[in-house]
Structure formats: C-alpha cells, structure tokens
Amino acid sequence: MSEAKIIAIAAEDSRGLDGEVSAHFGRCPFYVLVKANGSTETEFQVVVANPHFESHQPGMMPRFIRGLGANVIIAGGMGPRAIGMFHDFGIDVATGASGTVEDALGAYLRGERRGVVPCSGGHKDGCGERR
C-alpha cells in the first residue's frame, strides 16, 4: 500500500464527490478533502469552505491548503508561479482537472496527471500567469 495522501480538490459547490471541479484553485467556493491510501482506497471526505473565495493574494492558498493538512491539490487551472509556491509548501499539484470531483480524484489516483493549465480568471493578482 502506498503512503496516505490528504488531497484537496477545488470545487464549485458543496456536494462532495458529486460536485464539480473548479477551474480556478483560489477562487473556488469549496475544497473537498479526501484521505487516500493507494490508488483506490479513500478513508474520509470533508467539504471545507474557502475563506479566500472572494479575494486571494499570492501565497495565501498554499498556506491555507497546508493548514488543512493536505499534501496534494487538484484543480482545473493554476499557473507556474502558484505551482512553485505550492511545491515550496511540500504540496503536490495536479492541474487540468474537470468534471466531477470524484472523476478528478480517480484520475489522480490512477496516475493520470495533467500538466500546467494556466488560470483563466482574467484578474491581475498574479496567481500564476507568466509576465
């Protein structure tokens, strides 16, 4: 069995595994936390409101996610600067997720990771776009 991971999945709603993955890691209203052992076993699921939903600044989200105990984040889009910040906190990043939280979690656990998908939020807070 692989080492346990606490995975935070950016979500558009509070429906847990049935919810939709958010396209933006910081401007999502919720995170679904899952403890996973190996590629198929999950031990728990918790839905957490994102207190930085309305406005996040660079560096806030890695601290928040690490504070939840997570060592993996899954989201739709995230730029290279933000990915670097998450890595600095010891958090693995999987981007390019879409569909349901359950589908994104399953893809991650099967090793179907995707590359960097830049944020498409159209804002200027520096969440990761290259300049």
N, C-alpha and C. Protein backbone atom coordinates (compact mmCIF):
# COMPACT_ATOMS: atom_id res chain seq x y z
N MET A 1 0.84 -1.18 0.00
CA MET A 1 0.00 0.00 0.00
C MET A 1 0.88 1.24 0.00
N SER A 2 0.50 2.23 -0.78
CA SER A 2 1.23 3.49 -0.85
C SER A 2 0.99 4.34 0.39
N GLU A 3 1.84 5.33 0.53
CA GLU A 3 1.70 6.29 1.63
C GLU A 3 0.38 7.04 1.51
N ALA A 4 -0.25 7.29 2.65
CA ALA A 4 -1.52 8.02 2.65
C ALA A 4 -1.30 9.46 2.19
N LYS A 5 -2.27 9.98 1.46
CA LYS A 5 -2.23 11.36 0.99
C LYS A 5 -3.52 12.04 1.42
N ILE A 6 -3.39 13.29 1.80
CA ILE A 6 -4.56 14.12 2.03
C ILE A 6 -4.67 15.02 0.81
N ILE A 7 -5.73 14.86 0.06
CA ILE A 7 -5.91 15.53 -1.22
C ILE A 7 -7.00 16.58 -1.10
N ALA A 8 -6.67 17.81 -1.52
CA ALA A 8 -7.64 18.91 -1.55
C ALA A 8 -8.02 19.15 -3.01
N ILE A 9 -9.32 19.04 -3.30
CA ILE A 9 -9.81 19.23 -4.66
C ILE A 9 -10.66 20.49 -4.70
N ALA A 10 -10.28 21.45 -5.55
CA ALA A 10 -11.02 22.70 -5.70
C ALA A 10 -12.40 22.38 -6.28
N ALA A 11 -13.46 22.87 -5.61
CA ALA A 11 -14.82 22.53 -6.02
C ALA A 11 -15.70 23.76 -6.16
N GLU A 12 -16.63 23.68 -7.08
CA GLU A 12 -17.58 24.77 -7.33
C GLU A 12 -18.77 24.74 -6.38
N ASP A 13 -18.98 23.62 -5.69
CA ASP A 13 -20.14 23.51 -4.81
C ASP A 13 -19.80 22.58 -3.64
N SER A 14 -20.76 22.40 -2.76
CA SER A 14 -20.53 21.64 -1.53
C SER A 14 -21.05 20.21 -1.60
N ARG A 15 -21.20 19.66 -2.80
CA ARG A 15 -21.76 18.32 -2.95
C ARG A 15 -20.73 17.20 -2.78
N GLY A 16 -19.53 17.53 -2.32
CA GLY A 16 -18.53 16.49 -2.10
C GLY A 16 -18.07 15.86 -3.39
N LEU A 17 -17.99 14.55 -3.42
CA LEU A 17 -17.51 13.84 -4.61
C LEU A 17 -18.40 14.04 -5.82
N ASP A 18 -19.67 14.37 -5.60
CA ASP A 18 -20.60 14.61 -6.72
C ASP A 18 -20.49 16.02 -7.28
N GLY A 19 -19.77 16.89 -6.61
CA GLY A 19 -19.63 18.27 -7.05
C GLY A 19 -18.76 18.41 -8.28
N GLU A 20 -18.70 19.62 -8.78
CA GLU A 20 -17.90 19.93 -9.96
C GLU A 20 -16.56 20.52 -9.56
N VAL A 21 -15.51 20.12 -10.26
CA VAL A 21 -14.18 20.68 -10.04
C VAL A 21 -14.17 22.13 -10.49
N SER A 22 -13.50 22.97 -9.74
CA SER A 22 -13.38 24.38 -10.09
C SER A 22 -12.24 24.60 -11.06
N ALA A 23 -12.44 25.52 -11.98
CA ALA A 23 -11.40 25.86 -12.95
C ALA A 23 -10.29 26.69 -12.32
N HIS A 24 -10.53 27.27 -11.14
CA HIS A 24 -9.55 28.14 -10.51
C HIS A 24 -9.29 27.68 -9.08
N PHE A 25 -8.06 27.46 -8.75
CA PHE A 25 -7.69 26.93 -7.43
C PHE A 25 -7.97 27.88 -6.27
N GLY A 26 -7.91 29.17 -6.49
CA GLY A 26 -8.08 30.14 -5.40
C GLY A 26 -9.47 30.71 -5.31
N ARG A 27 -10.11 30.83 -6.45
CA ARG A 27 -11.44 31.44 -6.48
C ARG A 27 -12.52 30.37 -6.60
N CYS A 28 -12.35 29.32 -5.84
CA CYS A 28 -13.37 28.29 -5.75
C CYS A 28 -14.04 28.43 -4.39
N PRO A 29 -15.33 28.20 -4.31
CA PRO A 29 -16.01 28.38 -3.03
C PRO A 29 -15.73 27.27 -2.00
N PHE A 30 -15.32 26.10 -2.46
CA PHE A 30 -15.12 24.96 -1.55
C PHE A 30 -13.90 24.13 -1.95
N TYR A 31 -13.43 23.36 -0.98
CA TYR A 31 -12.46 22.30 -1.21
C TYR A 31 -13.02 21.02 -0.65
N VAL A 32 -12.84 19.95 -1.37
CA VAL A 32 -13.19 18.63 -0.87
C VAL A 32 -11.88 17.97 -0.45
N LEU A 33 -11.79 17.56 0.79
CA LEU A 33 -10.60 16.89 1.32
C LEU A 33 -10.86 15.40 1.39
N VAL A 34 -9.92 14.62 0.89
CA VAL A 34 -10.03 13.17 0.88
C VAL A 34 -8.71 12.59 1.34
N LYS A 35 -8.78 11.62 2.25
CA LYS A 35 -7.58 10.87 2.62
C LYS A 35 -7.59 9.61 1.77
N ALA A 36 -6.51 9.41 1.04
CA ALA A 36 -6.42 8.27 0.13
C ALA A 36 -5.21 7.42 0.47
N ASN A 37 -5.42 6.12 0.45
CA ASN A 37 -4.34 5.15 0.61
C ASN A 37 -4.26 4.36 -0.69
N GLY A 38 -3.15 4.47 -1.36
CA GLY A 38 -3.00 3.75 -2.61
C GLY A 38 -3.83 4.36 -3.72
N SER A 39 -4.23 3.54 -4.67
CA SER A 39 -4.91 4.06 -5.85
C SER A 39 -6.42 3.91 -5.81
N THR A 40 -6.96 3.24 -4.79
CA THR A 40 -8.41 3.04 -4.79
C THR A 40 -9.08 3.31 -3.45
N GLU A 41 -8.37 3.18 -2.36
CA GLU A 41 -9.00 3.31 -1.05
C GLU A 41 -9.03 4.76 -0.59
N THR A 42 -10.21 5.20 -0.19
CA THR A 42 -10.34 6.51 0.42
C THR A 42 -10.96 6.33 1.79
N GLU A 43 -10.44 7.06 2.76
CA GLU A 43 -10.88 6.88 4.14
C GLU A 43 -11.92 7.88 4.58
N PHE A 44 -11.85 9.11 4.13
CA PHE A 44 -12.84 10.10 4.53
C PHE A 44 -12.95 11.20 3.51
N GLN A 45 -14.02 11.94 3.65
CA GLN A 45 -14.28 13.07 2.77
C GLN A 45 -14.85 14.19 3.62
N VAL A 46 -14.31 15.38 3.47
CA VAL A 46 -14.77 16.55 4.19
C VAL A 46 -14.88 17.70 3.20
N VAL A 47 -15.95 18.48 3.29
CA VAL A 47 -16.09 19.66 2.45
C VAL A 47 -15.79 20.88 3.32
N VAL A 48 -14.87 21.73 2.84
CA VAL A 48 -14.43 22.90 3.59
C VAL A 48 -14.68 24.15 2.74
N ALA A 49 -15.30 25.15 3.34
CA ALA A 49 -15.49 26.43 2.64
C ALA A 49 -14.14 27.13 2.50
N ASN A 50 -13.93 27.76 1.36
CA ASN A 50 -12.70 28.50 1.10
C ASN A 50 -12.87 29.92 1.63
N PRO A 51 -12.20 30.28 2.72
CA PRO A 51 -12.36 31.63 3.27
C PRO A 51 -11.76 32.73 2.39
N HIS A 52 -10.97 32.35 1.40
CA HIS A 52 -10.34 33.30 0.49
C HIS A 52 -11.05 33.36 -0.85
N PHE A 53 -12.28 32.85 -0.91
CA PHE A 53 -13.05 32.75 -2.15
C PHE A 53 -13.21 34.09 -2.85
N GLU A 54 -13.56 35.12 -2.13
CA GLU A 54 -13.81 36.42 -2.74
C GLU A 54 -12.53 37.10 -3.24
N SER A 55 -11.45 36.90 -2.52
CA SER A 55 -10.20 37.56 -2.89
C SER A 55 -9.03 36.82 -2.27
N HIS A 56 -8.16 36.33 -3.10
CA HIS A 56 -6.95 35.70 -2.57
C HIS A 56 -5.73 36.43 -3.11
N GLN A 57 -4.69 36.41 -2.34
CA GLN A 57 -3.43 37.03 -2.72
C GLN A 57 -2.39 35.93 -2.90
N PRO A 58 -1.37 36.17 -3.71
CA PRO A 58 -0.33 35.16 -3.89
C PRO A 58 0.23 34.71 -2.54
N GLY A 59 0.34 33.41 -2.38
CA GLY A 59 0.90 32.82 -1.17
C GLY A 59 -0.13 32.43 -0.13
N MET A 60 -1.35 32.96 -0.22
CA MET A 60 -2.38 32.64 0.77
C MET A 60 -2.87 31.19 0.64
N MET A 61 -3.13 30.77 -0.58
CA MET A 61 -3.73 29.45 -0.78
C MET A 61 -2.80 28.30 -0.37
N PRO A 62 -1.50 28.36 -0.69
CA PRO A 62 -0.64 27.27 -0.20
C PRO A 62 -0.66 27.16 1.33
N ARG A 63 -0.66 28.29 2.01
CA ARG A 63 -0.72 28.27 3.49
C ARG A 63 -2.05 27.66 3.96
N PHE A 64 -3.14 28.08 3.33
CA PHE A 64 -4.46 27.58 3.69
C PHE A 64 -4.56 26.07 3.47
N ILE A 65 -4.14 25.62 2.29
CA ILE A 65 -4.23 24.19 1.96
C ILE A 65 -3.32 23.37 2.89
N ARG A 66 -2.13 23.84 3.14
CA ARG A 66 -1.22 23.13 4.07
C ARG A 66 -1.82 23.10 5.48
N GLY A 67 -2.48 24.19 5.87
CA GLY A 67 -3.12 24.25 7.17
C GLY A 67 -4.24 23.23 7.33
N LEU A 68 -4.83 22.81 6.21
CA LEU A 68 -5.85 21.77 6.24
C LEU A 68 -5.23 20.37 6.37
N GLY A 69 -3.91 20.31 6.29
CA GLY A 69 -3.22 19.03 6.37
C GLY A 69 -3.00 18.37 5.03
N ALA A 70 -3.39 19.03 3.94
CA ALA A 70 -3.28 18.43 2.61
C ALA A 70 -1.85 18.46 2.10
N ASN A 71 -1.49 17.41 1.36
CA ASN A 71 -0.19 17.37 0.70
C ASN A 71 -0.32 17.23 -0.81
N VAL A 72 -1.57 17.34 -1.31
CA VAL A 72 -1.86 17.32 -2.74
C VAL A 72 -3.00 18.29 -2.99
N ILE A 73 -2.93 19.04 -4.10
CA ILE A 73 -4.05 19.87 -4.53
C ILE A 73 -4.37 19.51 -5.98
N ILE A 74 -5.67 19.40 -6.26
CA ILE A 74 -6.16 19.15 -7.61
C ILE A 74 -7.08 20.31 -7.98
N ALA A 75 -6.87 20.88 -9.17
CA ALA A 75 -7.70 21.99 -9.64
C ALA A 75 -7.72 21.99 -11.15
N GLY A 76 -8.59 22.82 -11.69
CA GLY A 76 -8.65 22.97 -13.15
C GLY A 76 -7.42 23.68 -13.66
N GLY A 77 -7.22 24.92 -13.24
CA GLY A 77 -6.10 25.70 -13.73
C GLY A 77 -5.28 26.30 -12.61
N MET A 78 -3.99 26.42 -12.89
CA MET A 78 -3.05 27.04 -11.96
C MET A 78 -1.79 27.34 -12.75
N GLY A 79 -1.27 28.52 -12.58
CA GLY A 79 -0.08 28.90 -13.31
C GLY A 79 1.21 28.45 -12.65
N PRO A 80 2.33 28.58 -13.35
CA PRO A 80 3.61 28.10 -12.84
C PRO A 80 4.07 28.78 -11.55
N ARG A 81 3.77 30.05 -11.38
CA ARG A 81 4.17 30.73 -10.14
C ARG A 81 3.46 30.12 -8.94
N ALA A 82 2.16 29.92 -9.06
CA ALA A 82 1.39 29.32 -7.97
C ALA A 82 1.84 27.88 -7.71
N ILE A 83 2.10 27.13 -8.77
CA ILE A 83 2.57 25.75 -8.59
C ILE A 83 3.87 25.74 -7.80
N GLY A 84 4.77 26.66 -8.13
CA GLY A 84 6.02 26.75 -7.38
C GLY A 84 5.79 27.04 -5.91
N MET A 85 4.82 27.92 -5.61
CA MET A 85 4.51 28.23 -4.21
C MET A 85 3.97 27.01 -3.48
N PHE A 86 3.09 26.25 -4.13
CA PHE A 86 2.58 25.03 -3.51
C PHE A 86 3.71 24.03 -3.26
N HIS A 87 4.58 23.89 -4.24
CA HIS A 87 5.72 22.97 -4.06
C HIS A 87 6.60 23.41 -2.90
N ASP A 88 6.77 24.72 -2.72
CA ASP A 88 7.56 25.23 -1.59
C ASP A 88 6.97 24.80 -0.25
N PHE A 89 5.67 24.56 -0.22
CA PHE A 89 4.99 24.10 1.00
C PHE A 89 4.89 22.58 1.06
N GLY A 90 5.55 21.90 0.11
CA GLY A 90 5.53 20.44 0.11
C GLY A 90 4.23 19.85 -0.39
N ILE A 91 3.51 20.60 -1.23
CA ILE A 91 2.21 20.16 -1.75
C ILE A 91 2.35 19.82 -3.22
N ASP A 92 2.00 18.58 -3.58
CA ASP A 92 2.00 18.13 -4.96
C ASP A 92 0.80 18.77 -5.67
N VAL A 93 0.96 19.10 -6.95
CA VAL A 93 -0.08 19.80 -7.71
C VAL A 93 -0.47 18.99 -8.93
N ALA A 94 -1.78 18.83 -9.14
CA ALA A 94 -2.30 18.22 -10.36
C ALA A 94 -3.32 19.19 -10.95
N THR A 95 -3.07 19.67 -12.15
CA THR A 95 -3.98 20.61 -12.79
C THR A 95 -4.60 19.98 -14.03
N GLY A 96 -5.51 20.71 -14.63
CA GLY A 96 -6.19 20.21 -15.83
C GLY A 96 -7.40 19.37 -15.50
N ALA A 97 -7.80 19.35 -14.24
CA ALA A 97 -8.95 18.55 -13.82
C ALA A 97 -10.24 19.22 -14.28
N SER A 98 -11.22 18.39 -14.60
CA SER A 98 -12.55 18.89 -14.96
C SER A 98 -13.56 17.80 -14.64
N GLY A 99 -14.82 18.14 -14.75
CA GLY A 99 -15.86 17.17 -14.45
C GLY A 99 -16.15 17.11 -12.97
N THR A 100 -16.50 15.94 -12.50
CA THR A 100 -16.83 15.80 -11.08
C THR A 100 -15.58 15.65 -10.24
N VAL A 101 -15.72 15.99 -8.97
CA VAL A 101 -14.63 15.82 -8.01
C VAL A 101 -14.22 14.35 -7.97
N GLU A 102 -15.18 13.45 -7.98
CA GLU A 102 -14.88 12.02 -7.94
C GLU A 102 -14.06 11.59 -9.15
N ASP A 103 -14.42 12.07 -10.33
CA ASP A 103 -13.66 11.73 -11.55
C ASP A 103 -12.24 12.27 -11.48
N ALA A 104 -12.08 13.51 -11.01
CA ALA A 104 -10.74 14.11 -10.90
C ALA A 104 -9.90 13.36 -9.88
N LEU A 105 -10.50 12.99 -8.77
CA LEU A 105 -9.79 12.21 -7.76
C LEU A 105 -9.35 10.87 -8.32
N GLY A 106 -10.26 10.18 -8.99
CA GLY A 106 -9.93 8.88 -9.58
C GLY A 106 -8.79 8.98 -10.58
N ALA A 107 -8.83 10.01 -11.43
CA ALA A 107 -7.76 10.20 -12.43
C ALA A 107 -6.42 10.42 -11.73
N TYR A 108 -6.42 11.22 -10.68
CA TYR A 108 -5.17 11.46 -9.94
C TYR A 108 -4.66 10.16 -9.31
N LEU A 109 -5.54 9.42 -8.68
CA LEU A 109 -5.12 8.19 -8.01
C LEU A 109 -4.64 7.12 -9.00
N ARG A 110 -5.12 7.17 -10.23
CA ARG A 110 -4.65 6.24 -11.27
C ARG A 110 -3.37 6.72 -11.93
N GLY A 111 -2.89 7.91 -11.54
CA GLY A 111 -1.65 8.43 -12.11
C GLY A 111 -1.83 9.18 -13.40
N GLU A 112 -3.05 9.57 -13.71
CA GLU A 112 -3.34 10.30 -14.95
C GLU A 112 -3.23 11.79 -14.69
N ARG A 113 -2.03 12.23 -14.39
CA ARG A 113 -1.80 13.65 -14.07
C ARG A 113 -1.69 14.45 -15.35
N ARG A 114 -2.10 15.70 -15.27
CA ARG A 114 -2.01 16.59 -16.41
C ARG A 114 -1.03 17.70 -16.10
N GLY A 115 -0.53 18.35 -17.15
CA GLY A 115 0.44 19.43 -16.98
C GLY A 115 -0.21 20.71 -16.49
N VAL A 116 0.56 21.75 -16.50
CA VAL A 116 0.10 23.05 -16.03
C VAL A 116 -0.97 23.59 -16.99
N VAL A 117 -2.10 23.97 -16.42
CA VAL A 117 -3.16 24.62 -17.16
C VAL A 117 -3.33 26.00 -16.55
N PRO A 118 -2.91 27.05 -17.26
CA PRO A 118 -2.94 28.39 -16.67
C PRO A 118 -4.34 28.80 -16.24
N CYS A 119 -4.38 29.62 -15.24
CA CYS A 119 -5.61 30.21 -14.75
C CYS A 119 -6.21 31.06 -15.86
N SER A 120 -7.53 31.03 -15.97
CA SER A 120 -8.20 31.85 -16.98
C SER A 120 -9.09 32.89 -16.31
N GLY A 121 -8.76 33.25 -15.09
CA GLY A 121 -9.59 34.15 -14.31
C GLY A 121 -9.62 35.59 -14.79
N GLY A 122 -8.65 36.01 -15.59
CA GLY A 122 -8.64 37.35 -16.12
C GLY A 122 -8.41 38.43 -15.06
N HIS A 123 -7.75 38.09 -13.99
CA HIS A 123 -7.50 39.07 -12.94
C HIS A 123 -6.02 39.36 -12.86
N LYS A 124 -5.65 40.37 -12.10
CA LYS A 124 -4.25 40.81 -12.06
C LYS A 124 -3.60 40.58 -10.72
N ASP A 125 -4.01 39.55 -10.00
CA ASP A 125 -3.42 39.33 -8.68
C ASP A 125 -2.21 38.41 -8.72
N GLY A 126 -1.75 38.06 -9.91
CA GLY A 126 -0.52 37.30 -10.03
C GLY A 126 -0.63 35.85 -9.62
N CYS A 127 -1.75 35.20 -9.85
CA CYS A 127 -1.91 33.83 -9.38
C CYS A 127 -1.06 32.85 -10.15
N GLY A 128 -0.39 33.31 -11.15
CA GLY A 128 0.49 32.38 -11.82
C GLY A 128 0.78 32.68 -13.26
N GLU A 129 0.14 33.67 -13.84
CA GLU A 129 0.40 33.92 -15.24
C GLU A 129 1.83 34.39 -15.43
N ARG A 130 2.42 34.01 -16.55
CA ARG A 130 3.79 34.46 -16.86
C ARG A 130 3.73 35.89 -17.34
N ARG A 131 4.76 36.62 -16.97
CA ARG A 131 4.82 38.03 -17.41
C ARG A 131 6.09 38.26 -18.17
